């Protein structure tokens, strides 16, 4: 089986997670929780997910010149990720995410982006040869939009497909000059709603939102619907549905990142979109059974065993 080369351009954070019986209301303190500090950031999560699932991974990112940043880079190296293009920013701190998780695995997240805000088009241009050699480029929206736009253009220039995980989603459509270079757009229900103005509450509204995103320029749209499954819509029209795997959720923090990383690996090694979505559904299901972002991401052997 081919070993795909996946290039991830995106964010690197340190996650500080508190799991309690429930998420506090404004002004309320909930006592009695479990604390975990772990490497996170959507870009980093997706890079680690792809590496654990068997890809050759290059990560293009910025971290701070602080203990969190140095530990993050060492962690990526331990995962076998190429960190030649992870820059230690001399001015800004490593991104930090504060995460609250309840007993059902639902989460609430606040992020201080730090060095992620300085990831620039020039940083990506410096790694153009790496992008040109990739089987798949993966991005999110936790770094500047100009950098995302530039990366998508470079990938298109070299004929490399792009997965964009539009999180956190803006209110309103992404610019046309971004969407026209996106091969696979992977929003969840909330993100699809924000991007299109269509309230995604069922399969019909998910289809309508996906159709709108195709009209905006994406070649294929994969709407993740949580415990219900995944809707896949392409330029050809009506979508296909992949049901979710039923598991007991502990923490859904990195489920979307596990899905994106798995899709990149499967598509990069030549699987169909439907096959890739099935693989990604299994990876995401395994991730929600464990607490923490990167600690929850499964290996290729674990996904293979989870049939």
Protein backbone atom coordinates (compact mmCIF):
# COMPACT_ATOMS: atom_id res chain seq x y z
CA UNK A 1 0.00 0.00 0.00
CA UNK A 2 1.26 3.46 -0.94
CA UNK A 3 2.62 5.69 1.84
CA UNK A 4 1.10 9.10 1.09
CA UNK A 5 2.88 12.38 1.75
CA UNK A 6 0.55 14.72 3.65
CA UNK A 7 1.49 18.36 4.22
CA UNK A 8 -0.42 20.08 7.03
CA UNK A 9 -0.39 23.87 7.18
CA UNK A 10 -1.92 25.14 10.38
CA UNK A 11 -2.07 25.72 14.08
CA UNK A 12 -0.13 24.35 17.03
CA UNK A 13 -1.52 24.81 20.56
CA UNK A 14 -1.09 23.44 24.03
CA UNK A 15 -4.46 22.22 25.34
CA UNK A 16 -5.42 22.55 28.98
CA UNK A 17 -8.45 20.32 29.54
CA UNK A 18 -10.77 20.06 32.53
CA UNK A 19 -13.36 17.30 32.45
CA UNK A 20 -16.29 17.70 34.87
CA UNK A 21 -19.82 16.38 35.23
CA UNK A 22 -21.09 19.41 33.33
CA UNK A 23 -19.85 22.62 31.76
CA UNK A 24 -20.35 25.61 34.11
CA UNK A 25 -22.88 28.30 33.30
CA UNK A 26 -21.60 31.92 33.16
CA UNK A 27 -20.51 32.98 36.63
CA UNK A 28 -20.66 29.44 38.02
CA UNK A 29 -17.86 27.27 39.43
CA UNK A 30 -18.11 23.49 39.12
CA UNK A 31 -15.86 21.61 41.56
CA UNK A 32 -14.48 18.13 41.07
CA UNK A 33 -12.91 17.55 37.69
CA UNK A 34 -10.02 15.82 35.96
CA UNK A 35 -7.20 17.95 34.49
CA UNK A 36 -5.09 16.99 31.48
CA UNK A 37 -2.52 19.11 29.64
CA UNK A 38 -1.79 17.87 26.14
CA UNK A 39 -0.49 18.97 22.76
CA UNK A 40 -3.26 20.31 20.53
CA UNK A 41 -4.19 22.81 17.85
CA UNK A 42 -6.23 21.69 14.86
CA UNK A 43 -3.26 21.70 12.50
CA UNK A 44 -1.05 19.76 14.89
CA UNK A 45 -3.85 17.31 15.70
CA UNK A 46 -4.38 16.61 12.00
CA UNK A 47 -0.65 16.18 11.42
CA UNK A 48 -0.36 13.70 14.30
CA UNK A 49 -3.51 11.89 13.18
CA UNK A 50 -2.11 11.42 9.67
CA UNK A 51 1.30 10.31 10.98
CA UNK A 52 -0.21 7.70 13.29
CA UNK A 53 -2.32 6.40 10.42
CA UNK A 54 0.72 5.72 8.27
CA UNK A 55 1.43 8.87 6.25
CA UNK A 56 4.70 10.68 5.74
CA UNK A 57 3.80 14.06 7.26
CA UNK A 58 5.34 17.52 6.97
CA UNK A 59 4.00 20.23 9.28
CA UNK A 60 4.21 23.95 8.43
CA UNK A 61 3.44 26.04 11.52
CA UNK A 62 4.62 28.55 14.11
CA UNK A 63 5.11 28.02 17.83
CA UNK A 64 6.49 30.35 20.50
CA UNK A 65 10.07 30.26 21.75
CA UNK A 66 8.80 29.03 25.10
CA UNK A 67 8.58 25.72 26.96
CA UNK A 68 5.25 24.88 25.34
CA UNK A 69 6.64 25.45 21.86
CA UNK A 70 9.84 23.48 22.41
CA UNK A 71 7.90 20.57 23.88
CA UNK A 72 5.45 20.66 20.97
CA UNK A 73 8.24 20.39 18.39
CA UNK A 74 9.86 17.51 20.27
CA UNK A 75 6.49 15.77 20.40
CA UNK A 76 6.02 16.12 16.62
CA UNK A 77 9.47 14.63 16.06
CA UNK A 78 8.60 11.69 18.30
CA UNK A 79 5.54 11.13 16.10
CA UNK A 80 7.79 10.97 13.04
CA UNK A 81 6.63 14.32 11.63
CA UNK A 82 9.01 16.47 9.58
CA UNK A 83 9.38 19.69 11.62
CA UNK A 84 11.84 21.49 9.32
CA UNK A 85 9.12 24.08 8.60
CA UNK A 86 7.88 24.59 12.17
CA UNK A 87 9.15 28.07 13.07
CA UNK A 88 9.85 29.21 16.65
CA UNK A 89 8.44 32.74 16.77
CA UNK A 90 10.64 35.11 18.80
CA UNK A 91 7.82 37.52 19.67
CA UNK A 92 4.61 35.58 20.32
CA UNK A 93 3.80 32.75 22.72
CA UNK A 94 2.70 29.29 21.67
CA UNK A 95 -1.06 29.08 21.18
CA UNK A 96 -3.05 27.96 24.22
CA UNK A 97 -6.51 26.35 24.28
CA UNK A 98 -8.60 26.15 27.46
CA UNK A 99 -11.08 23.27 27.11
CA UNK A 100 -14.00 22.26 29.30
CA UNK A 101 -15.50 18.80 28.71
CA UNK A 102 -18.69 17.40 30.27
CA UNK A 103 -19.66 13.84 31.14
CA UNK A 104 -21.19 13.29 27.69
CA UNK A 105 -18.04 14.35 25.88
CA UNK A 106 -19.36 17.73 24.72
CA UNK A 107 -16.83 20.54 24.92
CA UNK A 108 -16.38 24.30 25.17
CA UNK A 109 -13.08 25.79 23.96
CA UNK A 110 -11.39 29.20 24.22
CA UNK A 111 -8.15 29.77 22.30
CA UNK A 112 -5.34 32.33 22.62
CA UNK A 113 -3.78 31.97 19.17
CA UNK A 114 -0.34 33.43 19.89
CA UNK A 115 2.27 32.50 17.27
CA UNK A 116 -0.37 30.92 15.02
CA UNK A 117 -1.37 34.47 14.05
CA UNK A 118 2.10 35.04 12.57
CA UNK A 119 2.10 32.07 10.18
CA UNK A 120 2.61 33.94 6.91
CA UNK A 121 2.40 33.37 3.15
CA UNK A 122 6.20 33.75 3.11
CA UNK A 123 6.52 30.84 5.56
CA UNK A 124 4.55 28.68 3.14
CA UNK A 125 6.41 29.90 0.05
CA UNK A 126 9.66 28.83 1.71
CA UNK A 127 8.25 25.29 1.79
CA UNK A 128 6.86 25.32 -1.77
CA UNK A 129 8.99 22.34 -2.86
CA UNK A 130 7.49 20.29 -0.03
CA UNK A 131 3.94 21.22 -1.08
CA UNK A 132 4.75 20.36 -4.68
CA UNK A 133 5.79 16.85 -3.60
CA UNK A 134 2.67 16.20 -1.50
CA UNK A 135 -0.23 13.86 -2.21
CA UNK A 136 -2.53 16.01 -0.06
CA UNK A 137 -2.44 19.41 1.66
CA UNK A 138 -4.56 19.89 4.78
CA UNK A 139 -5.57 23.24 6.31
CA UNK A 140 -7.91 24.73 8.93
CA UNK A 141 -8.94 28.28 9.85
CA UNK A 142 -6.82 28.79 12.98
CA UNK A 143 -4.15 30.71 11.02
CA UNK A 144 -4.47 33.91 8.92
CA UNK A 145 -6.78 33.74 5.90
CA UNK A 146 -4.11 35.22 3.62
CA UNK A 147 -1.88 32.25 4.46
CA UNK A 148 -4.69 29.80 3.75
CA UNK A 149 -5.45 31.53 0.44
CA UNK A 150 -1.78 31.48 -0.56
CA UNK A 151 -1.34 27.81 0.39
CA UNK A 152 -4.40 26.80 -1.65
CA UNK A 153 -3.02 28.68 -4.67
CA UNK A 154 0.38 27.01 -4.36
CA UNK A 155 -1.21 23.57 -4.07
CA UNK A 156 -3.37 24.25 -7.13
CA UNK A 157 -0.30 25.44 -9.05
CA UNK A 158 1.32 22.04 -8.45
CA UNK A 159 -1.86 19.99 -8.95
CA UNK A 160 -2.03 18.91 -5.29
CA UNK A 161 -5.53 18.40 -3.80
CA UNK A 162 -6.49 20.35 -0.69
CA UNK A 163 -8.65 19.45 2.31
CA UNK A 164 -9.92 22.50 4.20
CA UNK A 165 -11.46 21.99 7.64
CA UNK A 166 -13.30 25.33 7.98
CA UNK A 167 -12.96 25.64 11.74
CA UNK A 168 -13.48 27.95 13.43
CA UNK A 169 -15.96 29.00 10.73
CA UNK A 170 -16.59 32.66 9.96
CA UNK A 171 -20.12 34.03 9.75
CA UNK A 172 -20.64 34.04 6.01
CA UNK A 173 -19.07 32.53 2.94
CA UNK A 174 -15.35 32.09 2.49
CA UNK A 175 -13.84 34.26 -0.28
CA UNK A 176 -14.22 32.97 -3.83
CA UNK A 177 -10.45 32.96 -4.37
CA UNK A 178 -10.11 30.53 -1.45
CA UNK A 179 -13.03 28.26 -2.35
CA UNK A 180 -12.01 27.86 -6.00
CA UNK A 181 -8.81 26.06 -4.91
CA UNK A 182 -10.42 23.76 -2.31
CA UNK A 183 -10.84 20.17 -3.40
CA UNK A 184 -12.50 18.81 -0.24
CA UNK A 185 -14.33 21.07 2.22
CA UNK A 186 -15.09 19.35 5.55
CA UNK A 187 -17.45 21.35 7.79
CA UNK A 188 -19.48 20.03 10.70
CA UNK A 189 -23.14 21.03 11.12
CA UNK A 190 -22.37 24.29 12.91
CA UNK A 191 -19.67 25.30 10.43
CA UNK A 192 -21.88 24.47 7.43
CA UNK A 193 -24.62 26.62 8.96
CA UNK A 194 -22.29 29.58 9.55
CA UNK A 195 -20.76 29.42 6.08
CA UNK A 196 -24.08 29.23 4.24
CA UNK A 197 -26.72 30.79 6.50
CA UNK A 198 -28.70 27.53 6.24
CA UNK A 199 -29.62 26.10 9.63
CA UNK A 200 -28.36 22.50 9.42
CA UNK A 201 -30.69 20.40 11.59
CA UNK A 202 -31.37 17.29 9.49
CA UNK A 203 -30.27 15.46 6.34
CA UNK A 204 -32.25 17.74 4.00
CA UNK A 205 -30.73 20.95 5.39
CA UNK A 206 -27.28 19.36 5.39
CA UNK A 207 -27.76 18.55 1.69
CA UNK A 208 -28.90 22.12 1.00
CA UNK A 209 -25.87 23.57 2.79
CA UNK A 210 -23.51 21.22 0.96
CA UNK A 211 -25.08 22.19 -2.37
CA UNK A 212 -24.53 25.86 -1.51
CA UNK A 213 -20.87 25.21 -0.71
CA UNK A 214 -20.42 23.35 -3.99
CA UNK A 215 -21.94 26.37 -5.74
CA UNK A 216 -19.38 28.54 -3.93
CA UNK A 217 -16.55 26.59 -5.57
CA UNK A 218 -15.65 23.50 -3.50
CA UNK A 219 -15.24 20.35 -5.59
CA UNK A 220 -16.60 18.08 -2.84
CA UNK A 221 -18.19 18.77 0.55
CA UNK A 222 -18.10 16.36 3.48
CA UNK A 223 -20.51 17.44 6.23
CA UNK A 224 -19.87 15.65 9.52
CA UNK A 225 -23.10 15.18 11.48
CA UNK A 226 -21.79 13.97 14.83
CA UNK A 227 -23.32 10.74 16.05
CA UNK A 228 -25.50 10.51 12.92
CA UNK A 229 -22.70 10.15 10.41
CA UNK A 230 -21.31 11.96 7.36
CA UNK A 231 -22.91 13.41 4.24
CA UNK A 232 -20.76 13.50 1.09
CA UNK A 233 -21.77 15.77 -1.79
CA UNK A 234 -19.78 16.32 -4.98
CA UNK A 235 -20.19 18.49 -8.05
CA UNK A 236 -22.19 15.61 -9.55
CA UNK A 237 -25.11 16.33 -7.22
CA UNK A 238 -26.97 14.20 -4.66
CA UNK A 239 -24.89 13.04 -1.77
CA UNK A 240 -23.98 9.73 -0.19
CA UNK A 241 -24.35 9.05 3.53
CA UNK A 242 -21.86 7.18 5.74
CA UNK A 243 -23.31 6.24 9.15
CA UNK A 244 -21.34 6.92 12.31
CA UNK A 245 -19.95 4.14 14.50
CA UNK A 246 -21.73 3.98 17.84
CA UNK A 247 -19.35 4.25 20.80
CA UNK A 248 -19.49 5.70 24.31
CA UNK A 249 -18.15 9.23 23.99
CA UNK A 250 -15.64 10.48 26.55
CA UNK A 251 -14.23 13.57 24.81
CA UNK A 252 -15.10 14.78 21.31
CA UNK A 253 -12.38 17.47 21.22
CA UNK A 254 -10.30 15.95 18.41
CA UNK A 255 -12.95 13.95 16.56
CA UNK A 256 -13.02 16.32 13.61
CA UNK A 257 -9.22 16.39 13.44
CA UNK A 258 -9.02 12.60 13.54
CA UNK A 259 -11.50 12.55 10.67
CA UNK A 260 -9.58 15.11 8.59
CA UNK A 261 -6.23 13.39 9.14
CA UNK A 262 -7.69 10.01 8.26
CA UNK A 263 -9.32 11.36 5.11
CA UNK A 264 -6.03 12.87 3.99
CA UNK A 265 -4.27 9.54 4.44
CA UNK A 266 -6.91 7.47 2.67
CA UNK A 267 -7.35 9.87 -0.25
CA UNK A 268 -3.59 10.32 -0.50
CA UNK A 269 -3.10 6.60 -0.98
CA UNK A 270 -5.71 6.50 -3.74
CA UNK A 271 -8.94 5.44 -2.05
CA UNK A 272 -12.29 6.75 -3.26
CA UNK A 273 -14.01 9.54 -1.35
CA UNK A 274 -16.59 7.07 -0.01
CA UNK A 275 -13.87 4.64 1.14
CA UNK A 276 -11.91 7.49 2.72
CA UNK A 277 -14.98 8.69 4.61
CA UNK A 278 -15.57 5.20 5.99
CA UNK A 279 -11.97 5.02 7.20
CA UNK A 280 -12.25 8.49 8.71
CA UNK A 281 -15.50 7.65 10.52
CA UNK A 282 -13.77 4.75 12.26
CA UNK A 283 -10.79 6.90 13.27
CA UNK A 284 -13.06 9.64 14.63
CA UNK A 285 -15.17 7.13 16.58
CA UNK A 286 -12.09 5.74 18.29
CA UNK A 287 -10.86 9.24 19.17
CA UNK A 288 -14.00 10.18 21.13
CA UNK A 289 -13.52 7.24 23.51
CA UNK A 290 -10.40 8.89 25.02
CA UNK A 291 -9.72 12.21 26.75
CA UNK A 292 -7.43 14.84 25.26
CA UNK A 293 -6.75 15.91 21.69
CA UNK A 294 -3.57 14.23 20.47
CA UNK A 295 -3.63 11.50 23.15
CA UNK A 296 -6.97 10.37 21.70
CA UNK A 297 -5.78 9.92 18.10
CA UNK A 298 -5.69 6.27 16.99
CA UNK A 299 -3.01 4.33 15.13
CA UNK A 300 -3.47 2.57 11.82
CA UNK A 301 -3.52 -0.80 13.60
CA UNK A 302 -6.29 0.36 15.95
CA UNK A 303 -8.45 1.58 13.08
CA UNK A 304 -7.84 -1.63 11.13
CA UNK A 305 -8.99 -3.67 14.14
CA UNK A 306 -12.12 -1.52 14.56
CA UNK A 307 -14.32 -2.96 11.84
